[in-house]
């Protein structure tokens, strides 16, 4: 069964590449990363034809990813060689983005020079009035804490 799914996805990839090579405007759309135009072409001209009966749900099954991938992701895999990301990959990517934002926020609040305790960090607001940045719980901005 696995061989059939791989053959199904490879036949779709080769047919899509062939169709893109035949059309100058689609070649430009792929080069310009206009995935909406390429997706529209694929839906209208390649999906649900009597020769292969390709559609998005069958391709999702054929690529065997642990989530529902979009047509744009499949097209990027075909034309740009990008691997399809699993759920774990996406979670890791989102966590790294969150961590980068969190670390930059903490770093920017560490340089606070406000020495007035009533106007700086308060436990209720969670903001430093000098930098106006969100900070984690506790007086980490370097200003005197209010107790």
C-alpha atoms as a PDB file:
ATOM      1  CA  UNK A   1       0.000   0.000   0.000  1.00  0.00           C
ATOM      2  CA  UNK A   2       2.855   2.357   0.870  1.00  0.00           C
ATOM      3  CA  UNK A   3       4.356   1.872  -2.604  1.00  0.00           C
ATOM      4  CA  UNK A   4       1.032   2.776  -4.200  1.00  0.00           C
ATOM      5  CA  UNK A   5       0.800   6.007  -2.189  1.00  0.00           C
ATOM      6  CA  UNK A   6       4.345   6.991  -3.112  1.00  0.00           C
ATOM      7  CA  UNK A   7       3.681   6.243  -6.783  1.00  0.00           C
ATOM      8  CA  UNK A   8       0.477   8.284  -6.583  1.00  0.00           C
ATOM      9  CA  UNK A   9       2.260  11.320  -5.112  1.00  0.00           C
ATOM     10  CA  UNK A  10       5.203  11.008  -7.525  1.00  0.00           C
ATOM     11  CA  UNK A  11       2.856  10.834 -10.522  1.00  0.00           C
ATOM     12  CA  UNK A  12       1.093  13.990  -9.313  1.00  0.00           C
ATOM     13  CA  UNK A  13       4.429  15.747  -8.840  1.00  0.00           C
ATOM     14  CA  UNK A  14       5.649  14.846 -12.311  1.00  0.00           C
ATOM     15  CA  UNK A  15       2.350  15.861 -13.930  1.00  0.00           C
ATOM     16  CA  UNK A  16       2.321  19.184 -12.050  1.00  0.00           C
ATOM     17  CA  UNK A  17       5.927  19.943 -13.034  1.00  0.00           C
ATOM     18  CA  UNK A  18       5.136  19.069 -16.637  1.00  0.00           C
ATOM     19  CA  UNK A  19       2.066  21.329 -16.682  1.00  0.00           C
ATOM     20  CA  UNK A  20       4.025  24.230 -15.175  1.00  0.00           C
ATOM     21  CA  UNK A  21       6.821  23.851 -17.738  1.00  0.00           C
ATOM     22  CA  UNK A  22       4.270  24.011 -20.571  1.00  0.00           C
ATOM     23  CA  UNK A  23       2.811  27.339 -19.416  1.00  0.00           C
ATOM     24  CA  UNK A  24       4.940  30.505 -19.322  1.00  0.00           C
ATOM     25  CA  UNK A  25       2.579  32.334 -16.968  1.00  0.00           C
ATOM     26  CA  UNK A  26       2.569  29.439 -14.500  1.00  0.00           C
ATOM     27  CA  UNK A  27       6.360  29.290 -14.626  1.00  0.00           C
ATOM     28  CA  UNK A  28       6.374  32.995 -13.729  1.00  0.00           C
ATOM     29  CA  UNK A  29       3.837  32.379 -10.957  1.00  0.00           C
ATOM     30  CA  UNK A  30       6.039  29.665  -9.429  1.00  0.00           C
ATOM     31  CA  UNK A  31       9.121  31.880  -9.734  1.00  0.00           C
ATOM     32  CA  UNK A  32       7.201  34.763  -8.117  1.00  0.00           C
ATOM     33  CA  UNK A  33       5.763  32.417  -5.483  1.00  0.00           C
ATOM     34  CA  UNK A  34       2.160  33.218  -6.408  1.00  0.00           C
ATOM     35  CA  UNK A  35       0.833  30.006  -4.904  1.00  0.00           C
ATOM     36  CA  UNK A  36      -2.790  31.091  -5.166  1.00  0.00           C
ATOM     37  CA  UNK A  37      -2.565  31.238  -8.974  1.00  0.00           C
ATOM     38  CA  UNK A  38      -0.738  27.912  -9.148  1.00  0.00           C
ATOM     39  CA  UNK A  39      -3.256  26.335  -6.754  1.00  0.00           C
ATOM     40  CA  UNK A  40      -6.154  27.576  -8.849  1.00  0.00           C
ATOM     41  CA  UNK A  41      -4.568  26.077 -11.958  1.00  0.00           C
ATOM     42  CA  UNK A  42      -4.007  22.743 -10.218  1.00  0.00           C
ATOM     43  CA  UNK A  43      -7.586  22.633  -8.916  1.00  0.00           C
ATOM     44  CA  UNK A  44      -9.060  23.460 -12.319  1.00  0.00           C
ATOM     45  CA  UNK A  45      -6.775  21.428 -14.592  1.00  0.00           C
ATOM     46  CA  UNK A  46      -5.308  18.529 -12.604  1.00  0.00           C
ATOM     47  CA  UNK A  47      -7.748  17.603  -9.853  1.00  0.00           C
ATOM     48  CA  UNK A  48     -10.590  15.127 -10.459  1.00  0.00           C
ATOM     49  CA  UNK A  49      -9.657  14.195 -14.013  1.00  0.00           C
ATOM     50  CA  UNK A  50     -10.657  10.736 -15.272  1.00  0.00           C
ATOM     51  CA  UNK A  51      -7.054   9.644 -15.796  1.00  0.00           C
ATOM     52  CA  UNK A  52      -5.830   9.958 -12.190  1.00  0.00           C
ATOM     53  CA  UNK A  53      -8.570  11.390  -9.935  1.00  0.00           C
ATOM     54  CA  UNK A  54      -6.172  13.507  -7.874  1.00  0.00           C
ATOM     55  CA  UNK A  55      -7.668  15.676  -5.150  1.00  0.00           C
ATOM     56  CA  UNK A  56      -6.406  17.310  -1.976  1.00  0.00           C
ATOM     57  CA  UNK A  57      -7.589  14.626   0.439  1.00  0.00           C
ATOM     58  CA  UNK A  58      -5.947  11.830  -1.585  1.00  0.00           C
ATOM     59  CA  UNK A  59      -2.704  13.803  -1.766  1.00  0.00           C
ATOM     60  CA  UNK A  60      -2.787  14.393   1.982  1.00  0.00           C
ATOM     61  CA  UNK A  61      -3.085  10.642   2.476  1.00  0.00           C
ATOM     62  CA  UNK A  62      -0.334   9.963  -0.062  1.00  0.00           C
ATOM     63  CA  UNK A  63       2.156  12.310   1.610  1.00  0.00           C
ATOM     64  CA  UNK A  64       1.409  10.661   4.972  1.00  0.00           C
ATOM     65  CA  UNK A  65       1.909  13.639   7.262  1.00  0.00           C
ATOM     66  CA  UNK A  66       0.390  13.633  10.762  1.00  0.00           C
ATOM     67  CA  UNK A  67      -1.714  16.712   9.990  1.00  0.00           C
ATOM     68  CA  UNK A  68      -3.796  18.142   7.169  1.00  0.00           C
ATOM     69  CA  UNK A  69      -1.401  19.906   4.810  1.00  0.00           C
ATOM     70  CA  UNK A  70      -2.622  22.620   2.471  1.00  0.00           C
ATOM     71  CA  UNK A  71      -2.305  22.620  -1.305  1.00  0.00           C
ATOM     72  CA  UNK A  72       0.167  25.508  -1.009  1.00  0.00           C
ATOM     73  CA  UNK A  73       2.442  23.391   1.197  1.00  0.00           C
ATOM     74  CA  UNK A  74       2.272  20.524  -1.284  1.00  0.00           C
ATOM     75  CA  UNK A  75       3.105  22.867  -4.168  1.00  0.00           C
ATOM     76  CA  UNK A  76       6.044  24.324  -2.240  1.00  0.00           C
ATOM     77  CA  UNK A  77       7.292  20.794  -1.643  1.00  0.00           C
ATOM     78  CA  UNK A  78       7.092  20.029  -5.346  1.00  0.00           C
ATOM     79  CA  UNK A  79       8.573  23.225  -6.751  1.00  0.00           C
ATOM     80  CA  UNK A  80      10.879  24.443  -3.989  1.00  0.00           C
ATOM     81  CA  UNK A  81      11.863  21.164  -2.373  1.00  0.00           C
ATOM     82  CA  UNK A  82      10.588  22.191   1.068  1.00  0.00           C
ATOM     83  CA  UNK A  83       9.802  19.265   3.309  1.00  0.00           C
ATOM     84  CA  UNK A  84       6.294  18.970   4.691  1.00  0.00           C
ATOM     85  CA  UNK A  85       6.395  19.848   8.375  1.00  0.00           C
ATOM     86  CA  UNK A  86       4.914  17.538  10.951  1.00  0.00           C
ATOM     87  CA  UNK A  87       2.975  18.713  13.990  1.00  0.00           C
ATOM     88  CA  UNK A  88       6.092  18.403  16.126  1.00  0.00           C
ATOM     89  CA  UNK A  89       8.077  20.561  13.672  1.00  0.00           C
ATOM     90  CA  UNK A  90       5.396  23.263  13.722  1.00  0.00           C
ATOM     91  CA  UNK A  91       5.189  23.230  17.520  1.00  0.00           C
ATOM     92  CA  UNK A  92       8.969  23.529  17.781  1.00  0.00           C
ATOM     93  CA  UNK A  93       9.000  26.420  15.290  1.00  0.00           C
ATOM     94  CA  UNK A  94       6.250  28.276  17.145  1.00  0.00           C
ATOM     95  CA  UNK A  95       8.002  27.716  20.464  1.00  0.00           C
ATOM     96  CA  UNK A  96      11.272  29.088  19.079  1.00  0.00           C
ATOM     97  CA  UNK A  97       9.437  32.203  17.833  1.00  0.00           C
ATOM     98  CA  UNK A  98       7.764  32.628  21.225  1.00  0.00           C
ATOM     99  CA  UNK A  99      11.048  32.127  23.025  1.00  0.00           C
ATOM    100  CA  UNK A 100      12.822  34.713  20.844  1.00  0.00           C
ATOM    101  CA  UNK A 101      10.091  37.286  21.528  1.00  0.00           C
ATOM    102  CA  UNK A 102      10.056  36.491  25.248  1.00  0.00           C
ATOM    103  CA  UNK A 103      13.814  36.804  25.563  1.00  0.00           C
ATOM    104  CA  UNK A 104      13.919  40.113  23.692  1.00  0.00           C
ATOM    105  CA  UNK A 105      11.164  41.513  25.937  1.00  0.00           C
ATOM    106  CA  UNK A 106      13.021  40.488  29.100  1.00  0.00           C
ATOM    107  CA  UNK A 107      16.295  41.936  27.768  1.00  0.00           C
ATOM    108  CA  UNK A 108      14.692  45.284  26.934  1.00  0.00           C
ATOM    109  CA  UNK A 109      13.243  45.612  30.435  1.00  0.00           C
ATOM    110  CA  UNK A 110      16.540  44.835  32.177  1.00  0.00           C
ATOM    111  CA  UNK A 111      17.984  48.195  31.130  1.00  0.00           C
ATOM    112  CA  UNK A 112      15.293  50.215  32.910  1.00  0.00           C
ATOM    113  CA  UNK A 113      16.785  53.253  34.693  1.00  0.00           C
ATOM    114  CA  UNK A 114      13.657  54.387  36.518  1.00  0.00           C
ATOM    115  CA  UNK A 115      14.441  54.695  40.227  1.00  0.00           C
ATOM    116  CA  UNK A 116      10.996  55.696  41.414  1.00  0.00           C
ATOM    117  CA  UNK A 117       9.325  52.621  42.908  1.00  0.00           C
ATOM    118  CA  UNK A 118       5.724  53.859  42.711  1.00  0.00           C
ATOM    119  CA  UNK A 119       5.897  54.547  38.958  1.00  0.00           C
ATOM    120  CA  UNK A 120       7.979  51.575  37.890  1.00  0.00           C
ATOM    121  CA  UNK A 121       7.216  47.889  38.120  1.00  0.00           C
ATOM    122  CA  UNK A 122       4.085  46.968  39.985  1.00  0.00           C
ATOM    123  CA  UNK A 123       2.898  43.461  40.614  1.00  0.00           C
ATOM    124  CA  UNK A 124      -0.654  44.294  39.587  1.00  0.00           C
ATOM    125  CA  UNK A 125       0.000  45.864  36.189  1.00  0.00           C
ATOM    126  CA  UNK A 126       2.992  43.777  35.168  1.00  0.00           C
ATOM    127  CA  UNK A 127       4.428  46.723  33.218  1.00  0.00           C
ATOM    128  CA  UNK A 128       7.460  48.925  33.602  1.00  0.00           C
ATOM    129  CA  UNK A 129       6.412  52.526  33.057  1.00  0.00           C
ATOM    130  CA  UNK A 130       9.834  53.513  31.699  1.00  0.00           C
ATOM    131  CA  UNK A 131       9.986  50.993  28.876  1.00  0.00           C
ATOM    132  CA  UNK A 132       6.260  50.157  28.747  1.00  0.00           C
ATOM    133  CA  UNK A 133       7.070  46.510  28.104  1.00  0.00           C
ATOM    134  CA  UNK A 134       5.409  43.472  29.547  1.00  0.00           C
ATOM    135  CA  UNK A 135       7.655  41.706  31.973  1.00  0.00           C
ATOM    136  CA  UNK A 136       7.481  38.348  33.635  1.00  0.00           C
ATOM    137  CA  UNK A 137       6.226  38.100  37.195  1.00  0.00           C
ATOM    138  CA  UNK A 138       8.576  39.732  39.707  1.00  0.00           C
ATOM    139  CA  UNK A 139      10.866  42.737  39.571  1.00  0.00           C
ATOM    140  CA  UNK A 140      13.191  41.629  36.761  1.00  0.00           C
ATOM    141  CA  UNK A 141      13.575  45.032  35.125  1.00  0.00           C
ATOM    142  CA  UNK A 142      16.258  46.054  37.592  1.00  0.00           C
ATOM    143  CA  UNK A 143      14.163  48.814  39.191  1.00  0.00           C
ATOM    144  CA  UNK A 144      13.482  48.794  42.931  1.00  0.00           C
ATOM    145  CA  UNK A 145      10.563  46.517  43.669  1.00  0.00           C
ATOM    146  CA  UNK A 146       7.472  47.517  45.576  1.00  0.00           C
ATOM    147  CA  UNK A 147       6.492  45.169  48.316  1.00  0.00           C
END
